Amino acid sequence: MEVNDTRRLGGGIEWNPYRVLALRLGAWKNLAESEQSPVITAGVGLNLWAVRVDLAAASTTEKVDIDGTEVPEQAQVSLGMMVDF
């Protein structure tokens, strides 16, 4: 069984320009994997009374060529919703 080492160093900021809106930006790097490029993250959150909706995205800084187009080596998007009751 192969064990992957993970030692992440990262940070980020959140700015709330309005009471219902949260804007996020961050980055992290797995220090245990020298071949992995840094990951940039961004997100937005909406706090609407008892419902919170969060949209987040992450992408590596390393690019690969697919059919003549450069795209991030890895990318992900997530959407979450939480209801308070």
N, C-alpha and C. Protein backbone atom coordinates (compact mmCIF):
# COMPACT_ATOMS: atom_id res chain seq x y z
N MET A 1 0.84 -1.18 0.00
CA MET A 1 0.00 0.00 0.00
C MET A 1 0.88 1.24 0.00
N GLU A 2 0.60 2.16 -0.90
CA GLU A 2 1.38 3.40 -1.00
C GLU A 2 0.75 4.47 -0.12
N VAL A 3 1.59 5.16 0.63
CA VAL A 3 1.13 6.24 1.50
C VAL A 3 1.60 7.56 0.92
N ASN A 4 0.68 8.48 0.72
CA ASN A 4 1.03 9.80 0.21
C ASN A 4 1.26 10.75 1.37
N ASP A 5 2.39 11.42 1.36
CA ASP A 5 2.67 12.42 2.38
C ASP A 5 1.96 13.72 2.03
N THR A 6 1.38 14.33 3.02
CA THR A 6 0.71 15.61 2.82
C THR A 6 1.14 16.56 3.92
N ARG A 7 1.75 17.65 3.52
CA ARG A 7 2.11 18.75 4.43
C ARG A 7 1.78 20.04 3.71
N ARG A 8 0.58 20.52 3.94
CA ARG A 8 0.11 21.70 3.22
C ARG A 8 0.42 22.98 3.99
N LEU A 9 0.86 23.96 3.23
CA LEU A 9 1.06 25.31 3.74
C LEU A 9 0.18 26.22 2.88
N GLY A 10 -0.66 26.99 3.52
CA GLY A 10 -1.55 27.84 2.74
C GLY A 10 -2.12 28.98 3.57
N GLY A 11 -2.89 29.78 2.91
CA GLY A 11 -3.54 30.90 3.57
C GLY A 11 -4.54 31.55 2.64
N GLY A 12 -5.31 32.45 3.21
CA GLY A 12 -6.29 33.12 2.40
C GLY A 12 -6.92 34.30 3.13
N ILE A 13 -7.76 35.00 2.39
CA ILE A 13 -8.46 36.15 2.96
C ILE A 13 -9.94 36.05 2.61
N GLU A 14 -10.76 36.66 3.44
CA GLU A 14 -12.18 36.77 3.16
C GLU A 14 -12.58 38.22 3.37
N TRP A 15 -13.31 38.76 2.42
CA TRP A 15 -13.77 40.14 2.50
C TRP A 15 -15.29 40.14 2.41
N ASN A 16 -15.93 40.82 3.34
CA ASN A 16 -17.38 40.92 3.38
C ASN A 16 -17.81 42.35 3.07
N PRO A 17 -17.93 42.71 1.78
CA PRO A 17 -18.30 44.09 1.44
C PRO A 17 -19.73 44.42 1.85
N TYR A 18 -20.58 43.41 1.90
CA TYR A 18 -21.97 43.58 2.33
C TYR A 18 -22.28 42.47 3.33
N ARG A 19 -23.29 42.64 4.10
CA ARG A 19 -23.61 41.65 5.14
C ARG A 19 -23.93 40.27 4.55
N VAL A 20 -24.48 40.21 3.37
CA VAL A 20 -24.90 38.94 2.78
C VAL A 20 -23.87 38.34 1.83
N LEU A 21 -22.76 39.03 1.56
CA LEU A 21 -21.79 38.59 0.56
C LEU A 21 -20.41 38.38 1.17
N ALA A 22 -19.80 37.25 0.87
CA ALA A 22 -18.42 36.96 1.29
C ALA A 22 -17.60 36.60 0.06
N LEU A 23 -16.48 37.29 -0.13
CA LEU A 23 -15.55 37.02 -1.23
C LEU A 23 -14.28 36.44 -0.65
N ARG A 24 -13.79 35.33 -1.24
CA ARG A 24 -12.62 34.64 -0.69
C ARG A 24 -11.55 34.42 -1.75
N LEU A 25 -10.29 34.48 -1.32
CA LEU A 25 -9.15 34.24 -2.19
C LEU A 25 -8.05 33.60 -1.36
N GLY A 26 -7.40 32.58 -1.89
CA GLY A 26 -6.35 31.91 -1.13
C GLY A 26 -5.43 31.09 -2.02
N ALA A 27 -4.48 30.43 -1.38
CA ALA A 27 -3.54 29.55 -2.08
C ALA A 27 -2.97 28.55 -1.08
N TRP A 28 -2.56 27.39 -1.59
CA TRP A 28 -1.88 26.41 -0.76
C TRP A 28 -0.91 25.60 -1.61
N LYS A 29 0.04 24.96 -0.92
CA LYS A 29 1.06 24.13 -1.57
C LYS A 29 1.32 22.93 -0.69
N ASN A 30 1.39 21.75 -1.28
CA ASN A 30 1.76 20.55 -0.55
C ASN A 30 3.29 20.47 -0.53
N LEU A 31 3.88 20.75 0.61
CA LEU A 31 5.34 20.78 0.73
C LEU A 31 5.96 19.38 0.63
N ALA A 32 5.16 18.34 0.84
CA ALA A 32 5.67 16.97 0.76
C ALA A 32 5.78 16.46 -0.67
N GLU A 33 5.14 17.13 -1.62
CA GLU A 33 5.16 16.74 -3.02
C GLU A 33 5.84 17.83 -3.84
N SER A 34 7.11 17.65 -4.14
CA SER A 34 7.86 18.69 -4.86
C SER A 34 7.39 18.86 -6.30
N GLU A 35 6.75 17.84 -6.87
CA GLU A 35 6.31 17.91 -8.27
C GLU A 35 4.96 18.62 -8.42
N GLN A 36 4.23 18.79 -7.33
CA GLN A 36 2.92 19.43 -7.39
C GLN A 36 3.07 20.94 -7.37
N SER A 37 2.36 21.62 -8.28
CA SER A 37 2.42 23.08 -8.34
C SER A 37 1.47 23.67 -7.30
N PRO A 38 1.66 24.95 -6.97
CA PRO A 38 0.75 25.61 -6.03
C PRO A 38 -0.69 25.64 -6.55
N VAL A 39 -1.64 25.71 -5.63
CA VAL A 39 -3.07 25.74 -5.96
C VAL A 39 -3.63 27.10 -5.55
N ILE A 40 -4.33 27.75 -6.46
CA ILE A 40 -4.99 29.03 -6.20
C ILE A 40 -6.48 28.73 -5.97
N THR A 41 -7.06 29.34 -4.94
CA THR A 41 -8.47 29.11 -4.63
C THR A 41 -9.23 30.44 -4.62
N ALA A 42 -10.51 30.36 -4.93
CA ALA A 42 -11.38 31.54 -4.89
C ALA A 42 -12.79 31.08 -4.59
N GLY A 43 -13.57 31.95 -3.99
CA GLY A 43 -14.94 31.58 -3.68
C GLY A 43 -15.81 32.77 -3.38
N VAL A 44 -17.10 32.51 -3.40
CA VAL A 44 -18.09 33.52 -3.05
C VAL A 44 -19.17 32.84 -2.22
N GLY A 45 -19.63 33.55 -1.19
CA GLY A 45 -20.68 33.02 -0.34
C GLY A 45 -21.82 34.02 -0.22
N LEU A 46 -23.03 33.52 -0.20
CA LEU A 46 -24.22 34.34 -0.02
C LEU A 46 -24.93 33.87 1.25
N ASN A 47 -25.18 34.79 2.16
CA ASN A 47 -25.85 34.47 3.40
C ASN A 47 -27.23 35.12 3.37
N LEU A 48 -28.23 34.33 3.02
CA LEU A 48 -29.59 34.84 2.84
C LEU A 48 -30.48 34.31 3.96
N TRP A 49 -30.57 35.04 5.03
CA TRP A 49 -31.35 34.72 6.21
C TRP A 49 -30.95 33.35 6.76
N ALA A 50 -31.72 32.28 6.52
CA ALA A 50 -31.40 30.95 7.07
C ALA A 50 -30.69 30.06 6.06
N VAL A 51 -30.39 30.57 4.89
CA VAL A 51 -29.75 29.79 3.84
C VAL A 51 -28.39 30.40 3.50
N ARG A 52 -27.38 29.56 3.43
CA ARG A 52 -26.04 30.01 3.00
C ARG A 52 -25.64 29.18 1.79
N VAL A 53 -25.25 29.86 0.72
CA VAL A 53 -24.81 29.20 -0.51
C VAL A 53 -23.36 29.59 -0.74
N ASP A 54 -22.51 28.58 -0.96
CA ASP A 54 -21.08 28.81 -1.21
C ASP A 54 -20.68 28.19 -2.53
N LEU A 55 -19.96 28.96 -3.33
CA LEU A 55 -19.38 28.50 -4.59
C LEU A 55 -17.88 28.69 -4.49
N ALA A 56 -17.13 27.62 -4.75
CA ALA A 56 -15.66 27.69 -4.63
C ALA A 56 -15.00 27.04 -5.83
N ALA A 57 -13.80 27.52 -6.16
CA ALA A 57 -13.03 26.96 -7.26
C ALA A 57 -11.56 26.91 -6.86
N ALA A 58 -10.86 25.93 -7.42
CA ALA A 58 -9.42 25.78 -7.17
C ALA A 58 -8.75 25.34 -8.46
N SER A 59 -7.53 25.80 -8.67
CA SER A 59 -6.79 25.47 -9.89
C SER A 59 -5.29 25.49 -9.62
N THR A 60 -4.58 24.53 -10.19
CA THR A 60 -3.13 24.55 -10.08
C THR A 60 -2.57 25.61 -11.02
N THR A 61 -1.37 26.07 -10.72
CA THR A 61 -0.73 27.06 -11.58
C THR A 61 -0.04 26.40 -12.77
N GLU A 62 0.18 25.09 -12.71
CA GLU A 62 0.81 24.35 -13.80
C GLU A 62 -0.21 24.14 -14.92
N LYS A 63 0.22 24.34 -16.16
CA LYS A 63 -0.66 24.19 -17.32
C LYS A 63 -0.23 22.97 -18.14
N VAL A 64 -1.19 22.37 -18.84
CA VAL A 64 -0.93 21.29 -19.79
C VAL A 64 -1.58 21.67 -21.12
N ASP A 65 -1.08 21.08 -22.19
CA ASP A 65 -1.58 21.37 -23.53
C ASP A 65 -2.54 20.27 -23.97
N ILE A 66 -3.78 20.65 -24.28
CA ILE A 66 -4.77 19.71 -24.79
C ILE A 66 -5.27 20.25 -26.12
N ASP A 67 -4.93 19.56 -27.18
CA ASP A 67 -5.34 19.96 -28.53
C ASP A 67 -4.99 21.40 -28.85
N GLY A 68 -3.80 21.84 -28.44
CA GLY A 68 -3.34 23.18 -28.74
C GLY A 68 -3.83 24.25 -27.78
N THR A 69 -4.57 23.88 -26.76
CA THR A 69 -5.07 24.83 -25.78
C THR A 69 -4.46 24.53 -24.42
N GLU A 70 -3.91 25.58 -23.77
CA GLU A 70 -3.35 25.39 -22.43
C GLU A 70 -4.46 25.48 -21.40
N VAL A 71 -4.53 24.46 -20.55
CA VAL A 71 -5.52 24.42 -19.47
C VAL A 71 -4.80 24.05 -18.18
N PRO A 72 -5.39 24.35 -17.02
CA PRO A 72 -4.75 23.98 -15.75
C PRO A 72 -4.59 22.46 -15.66
N GLU A 73 -3.50 22.04 -15.04
CA GLU A 73 -3.25 20.61 -14.87
C GLU A 73 -4.37 19.96 -14.04
N GLN A 74 -4.82 20.66 -13.00
CA GLN A 74 -5.93 20.19 -12.17
C GLN A 74 -6.82 21.38 -11.84
N ALA A 75 -8.13 21.14 -11.80
CA ALA A 75 -9.06 22.20 -11.42
C ALA A 75 -10.30 21.54 -10.81
N GLN A 76 -10.94 22.26 -9.91
CA GLN A 76 -12.17 21.74 -9.32
C GLN A 76 -13.09 22.90 -8.95
N VAL A 77 -14.38 22.59 -8.92
CA VAL A 77 -15.40 23.56 -8.54
C VAL A 77 -16.35 22.85 -7.58
N SER A 78 -16.80 23.58 -6.56
CA SER A 78 -17.78 22.98 -5.65
C SER A 78 -18.87 23.99 -5.33
N LEU A 79 -20.05 23.47 -5.07
CA LEU A 79 -21.21 24.27 -4.71
C LEU A 79 -21.83 23.64 -3.48
N GLY A 80 -22.08 24.45 -2.46
CA GLY A 80 -22.68 23.95 -1.24
C GLY A 80 -23.80 24.83 -0.76
N MET A 81 -24.76 24.21 -0.07
CA MET A 81 -25.85 24.97 0.49
C MET A 81 -26.12 24.45 1.91
N MET A 82 -26.31 25.37 2.82
CA MET A 82 -26.59 25.02 4.22
C MET A 82 -27.84 25.76 4.65
N VAL A 83 -28.71 25.05 5.36
CA VAL A 83 -29.94 25.65 5.85
C VAL A 83 -29.94 25.55 7.38
N ASP A 84 -30.13 26.68 8.04
CA ASP A 84 -30.25 26.71 9.51
C ASP A 84 -31.72 26.61 9.88
N PHE A 85 -32.02 25.74 10.85
CA PHE A 85 -33.38 25.69 11.37
C PHE A 85 -33.38 25.26 12.81
